[in-house]
N, C-alpha and C. Protein backbone atom coordinates (compact mmCIF):
# COMPACT_ATOMS: atom_id res chain seq x y z
N UNK A 1 59.88 106.09 44.31
CA UNK A 1 59.13 104.87 44.67
C UNK A 1 60.00 103.95 45.42
N UNK A 2 59.33 103.40 46.56
CA UNK A 2 60.21 102.51 47.49
C UNK A 2 60.58 101.31 46.71
N UNK A 3 61.71 100.74 46.96
CA UNK A 3 62.13 99.44 46.19
C UNK A 3 61.52 98.34 46.80
N UNK A 4 61.23 97.34 46.05
CA UNK A 4 60.62 96.16 46.43
C UNK A 4 61.71 95.07 46.53
N UNK A 5 61.77 94.32 47.47
CA UNK A 5 62.79 93.29 47.69
C UNK A 5 62.03 91.99 47.48
N UNK A 6 62.61 91.06 46.57
CA UNK A 6 62.00 89.71 46.49
C UNK A 6 62.62 88.94 47.70
N UNK A 7 61.72 88.26 48.24
CA UNK A 7 62.21 87.30 49.31
C UNK A 7 62.47 85.94 48.78
N UNK A 8 63.67 85.39 48.99
CA UNK A 8 64.00 84.13 48.47
C UNK A 8 63.60 82.89 49.33
N UNK A 9 62.55 82.32 48.93
CA UNK A 9 62.08 81.15 49.69
C UNK A 9 62.60 79.90 48.94
N UNK A 10 63.14 78.90 49.74
CA UNK A 10 63.52 77.69 49.12
C UNK A 10 62.17 76.86 48.96
N UNK A 11 62.00 76.45 47.72
CA UNK A 11 60.83 75.72 47.44
C UNK A 11 61.13 74.19 47.78
N UNK A 12 60.53 73.82 48.97
CA UNK A 12 60.69 72.41 49.26
C UNK A 12 59.37 71.83 48.74
N UNK A 13 59.49 70.63 47.97
CA UNK A 13 58.38 69.97 47.51
C UNK A 13 57.52 69.42 48.63
N UNK A 14 56.21 69.48 48.40
CA UNK A 14 55.22 68.99 49.50
C UNK A 14 55.52 67.50 49.65
N UNK A 15 55.41 67.21 50.99
CA UNK A 15 55.73 65.79 51.34
C UNK A 15 54.74 64.81 50.57
N UNK A 16 55.40 63.81 49.90
CA UNK A 16 54.48 62.86 49.17
C UNK A 16 53.67 61.98 50.18
N UNK A 17 52.68 61.32 49.61
CA UNK A 17 51.95 60.35 50.33
C UNK A 17 52.54 58.93 49.99
N UNK A 18 52.60 58.19 50.93
CA UNK A 18 52.98 56.69 50.82
C UNK A 18 51.73 55.82 50.90
N UNK A 19 51.54 55.07 49.84
CA UNK A 19 50.28 54.26 49.79
C UNK A 19 50.72 52.94 49.87
N UNK A 20 50.27 52.02 50.85
CA UNK A 20 50.74 50.70 51.09
C UNK A 20 49.49 49.81 51.02
N UNK A 21 49.66 48.82 50.16
CA UNK A 21 48.50 47.86 49.87
C UNK A 21 48.76 46.61 50.68
N UNK A 22 47.89 46.28 51.60
CA UNK A 22 47.91 44.99 52.27
C UNK A 22 46.81 44.21 51.53
N UNK A 23 47.21 43.19 50.80
CA UNK A 23 46.25 42.41 50.04
C UNK A 23 45.31 41.69 50.77
N UNK A 24 45.68 41.09 52.01
CA UNK A 24 44.76 40.37 52.86
C UNK A 24 44.66 41.13 54.23
N UNK A 25 43.34 41.77 54.25
CA UNK A 25 43.22 42.58 55.40
C UNK A 25 43.18 41.90 56.70
N UNK A 26 43.12 40.46 56.60
CA UNK A 26 43.14 39.64 57.95
C UNK A 26 44.59 39.35 58.18
N UNK A 27 45.46 39.75 57.45
CA UNK A 27 46.92 39.46 57.73
C UNK A 27 47.36 40.31 58.84
N UNK A 28 47.11 39.87 60.08
CA UNK A 28 47.46 40.81 61.20
C UNK A 28 48.96 40.87 61.49
N UNK A 29 49.68 39.85 61.14
CA UNK A 29 51.05 39.99 61.24
C UNK A 29 51.73 41.04 60.30
N UNK A 30 51.16 41.07 59.09
CA UNK A 30 51.71 42.05 58.13
C UNK A 30 51.34 43.58 58.62
N UNK A 31 50.11 43.77 59.25
CA UNK A 31 49.74 44.94 59.85
C UNK A 31 50.55 45.31 60.98
N UNK A 32 50.86 44.44 61.77
CA UNK A 32 51.67 44.61 62.88
C UNK A 32 53.18 45.04 62.52
N UNK A 33 53.63 44.33 61.58
CA UNK A 33 54.98 44.53 61.07
C UNK A 33 55.11 45.91 60.40
N UNK A 34 54.02 46.30 59.73
CA UNK A 34 53.94 47.61 58.99
C UNK A 34 54.03 48.71 60.14
N UNK A 35 53.32 48.50 61.11
CA UNK A 35 53.31 49.53 62.22
C UNK A 35 54.59 49.64 62.85
N UNK A 36 55.23 48.60 63.04
CA UNK A 36 56.56 48.52 63.71
C UNK A 36 57.53 49.22 62.80
N UNK A 37 57.54 48.97 61.59
CA UNK A 37 58.65 49.57 60.70
C UNK A 37 58.43 51.12 60.64
N UNK A 38 57.13 51.48 60.49
CA UNK A 38 56.77 52.92 60.40
C UNK A 38 57.17 53.61 61.71
N UNK A 39 57.04 52.94 62.79
CA UNK A 39 57.39 53.72 63.99
C UNK A 39 58.95 54.01 63.99
N UNK A 40 59.76 53.31 63.29
CA UNK A 40 61.20 53.56 63.03
C UNK A 40 61.44 54.86 62.20
N UNK A 41 60.46 55.13 61.29
CA UNK A 41 60.67 56.23 60.41
C UNK A 41 59.73 57.28 60.45
N UNK A 42 59.61 57.87 61.59
CA UNK A 42 58.66 59.06 61.73
C UNK A 42 59.17 60.21 60.91
N UNK A 43 58.10 60.92 60.37
CA UNK A 43 58.46 62.02 59.41
C UNK A 43 57.29 62.97 59.23
N UNK A 44 57.17 63.49 57.94
CA UNK A 44 56.11 64.41 57.73
C UNK A 44 55.18 64.08 56.48
N UNK A 45 55.38 62.77 56.00
CA UNK A 45 54.42 62.31 54.97
C UNK A 45 53.29 61.49 55.42
N UNK A 46 52.11 61.63 54.87
CA UNK A 46 50.94 60.83 55.26
C UNK A 46 51.28 59.35 54.69
N UNK A 47 50.65 58.44 55.51
CA UNK A 47 50.76 57.06 54.94
C UNK A 47 49.28 56.59 54.89
N UNK A 48 49.00 56.13 53.70
CA UNK A 48 47.57 55.60 53.52
C UNK A 48 47.73 54.04 53.30
N UNK A 49 46.85 53.37 54.13
CA UNK A 49 46.73 51.89 54.04
C UNK A 49 45.59 51.52 53.06
N UNK A 50 45.96 50.86 52.09
CA UNK A 50 44.92 50.29 51.11
C UNK A 50 44.77 48.84 51.32
N UNK A 51 43.51 48.53 51.74
CA UNK A 51 43.29 47.10 52.13
C UNK A 51 42.49 46.33 51.02
N UNK A 52 43.04 45.06 50.73
CA UNK A 52 42.28 44.18 49.95
C UNK A 52 42.82 44.20 48.43
N UNK A 53 42.55 43.01 47.74
CA UNK A 53 42.98 42.98 46.35
C UNK A 53 42.42 43.96 45.47
N UNK A 54 41.08 44.34 45.73
CA UNK A 54 40.42 45.26 44.86
C UNK A 54 40.60 46.73 45.23
N UNK A 55 41.41 47.02 46.30
CA UNK A 55 41.82 48.29 46.65
C UNK A 55 40.72 49.23 46.91
N UNK A 56 39.63 48.83 47.35
CA UNK A 56 38.51 49.62 47.52
C UNK A 56 38.55 50.49 48.89
N UNK A 57 39.23 49.93 49.82
CA UNK A 57 39.24 50.53 51.17
C UNK A 57 40.56 51.29 51.47
N UNK A 58 40.57 52.49 51.69
CA UNK A 58 41.87 53.25 51.95
C UNK A 58 41.71 53.99 53.24
N UNK A 59 42.67 53.87 54.14
CA UNK A 59 42.60 54.43 55.46
C UNK A 59 43.89 55.32 55.66
N UNK A 60 43.79 56.58 55.96
CA UNK A 60 44.98 57.35 56.30
C UNK A 60 45.35 57.06 57.73
N UNK A 61 46.50 56.61 57.92
CA UNK A 61 46.94 56.18 59.27
C UNK A 61 47.29 57.34 60.16
N UNK A 62 47.07 57.29 61.43
CA UNK A 62 47.05 58.48 62.32
C UNK A 62 48.51 58.91 62.72
N UNK A 63 49.45 58.55 61.96
CA UNK A 63 50.86 58.95 62.17
C UNK A 63 51.45 59.19 60.72
N UNK A 64 52.66 59.88 60.80
CA UNK A 64 53.27 60.34 59.63
C UNK A 64 54.71 59.77 59.47
N UNK A 65 55.12 59.55 58.24
CA UNK A 65 56.38 58.81 58.16
C UNK A 65 57.42 59.56 57.25
N UNK A 66 58.64 59.10 57.36
CA UNK A 66 59.64 59.85 56.45
C UNK A 66 59.85 58.98 55.26
N UNK A 67 59.46 59.45 54.07
CA UNK A 67 59.56 58.66 52.88
C UNK A 67 60.86 58.85 52.12
N UNK A 68 61.78 59.68 52.65
CA UNK A 68 63.02 59.92 51.97
C UNK A 68 64.14 58.82 52.22
N UNK A 69 63.93 58.10 53.32
CA UNK A 69 64.92 57.14 53.79
C UNK A 69 64.63 55.85 53.13
N UNK A 70 64.90 54.79 53.87
CA UNK A 70 64.75 53.35 53.33
C UNK A 70 63.50 52.90 53.54
N UNK A 71 62.58 53.57 54.21
CA UNK A 71 61.11 53.05 54.53
C UNK A 71 60.48 52.37 53.29
N UNK A 72 60.37 53.14 52.18
CA UNK A 72 59.64 52.48 51.02
C UNK A 72 60.33 51.19 50.46
N UNK A 73 61.60 51.12 50.64
CA UNK A 73 62.39 49.98 50.21
C UNK A 73 62.16 48.71 51.14
N UNK A 74 62.16 49.05 52.37
CA UNK A 74 61.81 48.07 53.43
C UNK A 74 60.39 47.51 53.24
N UNK A 75 59.50 48.35 52.95
CA UNK A 75 58.05 47.96 52.79
C UNK A 75 57.92 47.14 51.54
N UNK A 76 58.71 47.46 50.41
CA UNK A 76 58.59 46.78 49.22
C UNK A 76 59.21 45.35 49.38
N UNK A 77 60.22 45.20 50.19
CA UNK A 77 60.69 43.93 50.37
C UNK A 77 59.78 43.06 51.23
N UNK A 78 59.06 43.67 52.23
CA UNK A 78 58.19 42.95 53.01
C UNK A 78 56.84 42.61 52.35
N UNK A 79 56.29 43.45 51.59
CA UNK A 79 54.96 43.28 50.94
C UNK A 79 54.92 43.00 49.42
N UNK A 80 56.04 43.38 48.81
CA UNK A 80 56.09 43.25 47.36
C UNK A 80 56.10 44.57 46.65
N UNK A 81 56.88 44.74 45.56
CA UNK A 81 57.10 46.03 44.88
C UNK A 81 55.71 46.56 44.43
N UNK A 82 54.76 45.80 44.03
CA UNK A 82 53.51 46.42 43.49
C UNK A 82 52.64 46.87 44.64
N UNK A 83 53.05 46.70 45.95
CA UNK A 83 52.20 47.13 47.07
C UNK A 83 52.53 48.45 47.61
N UNK A 84 53.59 49.14 47.16
CA UNK A 84 54.01 50.33 47.86
C UNK A 84 54.16 51.46 46.76
N UNK A 85 53.43 52.47 46.89
CA UNK A 85 53.43 53.61 45.85
C UNK A 85 53.73 54.89 46.63
N UNK A 86 54.57 55.68 46.04
CA UNK A 86 54.87 56.98 46.67
C UNK A 86 54.45 58.03 45.62
N UNK A 87 53.42 58.84 46.00
CA UNK A 87 53.13 59.93 45.00
C UNK A 87 52.52 61.08 45.71
């Protein structure tokens, strides 16, 4: 019988999603700052913008970010710890 060879694949975890809550959807300066910061951290994770205090509106942004670097920390400093979730 022919031998079977197991192929060793490195299991890289699927990129996480970064959820960012902007409590005031009319805060255009926060939205602009968010976009500027994200432009510095291009990557392979989706970023989902959650608008409003009640968090009913969620929009996946049309670009991806690198969540392994300092981006989540920078966003927490800017928006508050409770506004940034990585999962």
